Amino acid sequence: MSGLKLFRTSRVDGGVAEVASRLAEVEADVQGLVEAHMETLLGVRFLASEYGTGPVHGGRIDSLGLDENGSPVVIEYKRGIDAGVINQGLFYLAWLMDHRAEVEHLVRDRLGVTAESQVLWGGPRLICIAGDFTRYDIHAVREHRRSIDLVRYRLFGRDLFGLETVASVSGGMRVTRCSRRQSVARAADDVPRGRMAELSGAVDEALLGLGDGVIRVERKQYRAYQRLRNFACLIPPQQTKVLVYLKADPKEVDLVPGFTRDVSGLGHHGTGDLEVQLRTPRDVERAQDLFRASYATA
């Protein structure tokens, strides 16, 4: 069972009352809610519902989508605990890899030619959304070589819907991490222009160090960092600075010229509306709270 508890506070007497959690009446209720708001909830663009896999496989994928980095996503739902949800999802993920042309055709029809050209097959994802998971489920996905997210849902009261990432693996990609102290020690306080790569490495360490569930996705124009959704995108270092785009709301940040900029509505590589410009290791230190705030949104 989820350990999350939700309380409603009263401005009248200052008291609190617990909002009881519950499961959906039927699995289709969860599926319909997620599909109607998939991009907001999961950072995934909706492609299809109950997608048939043909007479040989003889199945139907609950939901198909494309995430922010162009990775195809299979989403499977279960009302409560179901030991078969992971294996079922992996079965459909294998089908996905064997039918790339069909999936790309679907992307073109639903999202356009540009989206089709950006489909990334290096890390297709499986997202399992269920009422709960067992410790055996969590252990199983951590031993697997596919990108899998286990997400627990709960309904609260009449109009609240919660999602909690229980486990997340990045398809067997192993990332070697050094301590943040080591990464800062490698770079002097004033980084000359020729050492932007080292500064970029320090940013990489800081973003990966925010939590065990951080997944790094390599794209040609940027490197994305995600939990369930992207929370940061690191652009290849420029001559005098490193750019990071965050999901933090620019309206809630005290913007500092030359350090932070609101880029909502402006075209740029990667995702996120807050641009952070980093020139020295001290800037990486200054950006830590912004990194954490963006991480919390994912």
Foldseek 3Di string as FASTA:
>chain_A
DDPDWDWDADPPPRDIDTFDKDFDPAFVVVLVVCLVVVCLPQQWAWQDAQCALDDVLGGTQGTWTAHQQQAIEGEEEERAEDPCRVVVQVSVVVSCVVPVVVVLVSCCVPPNDVSSVRHDHPAHEYEYEYQDYDPVVQVVVVPAQHWYWYWHWIDTDDDDIDIDTPHTDGRPDDDDADDLVVLQVVFDQAHALVCQVSVLVSLVNLLCPLDVQWDWDDDPQWIFIDRSHTAKTWGPDDRQWTKMAGQDDPVPDDDDPPAKDQQVVHDDPDDHGIIGIGRGVVSSVVCNVVSNRSRVSD
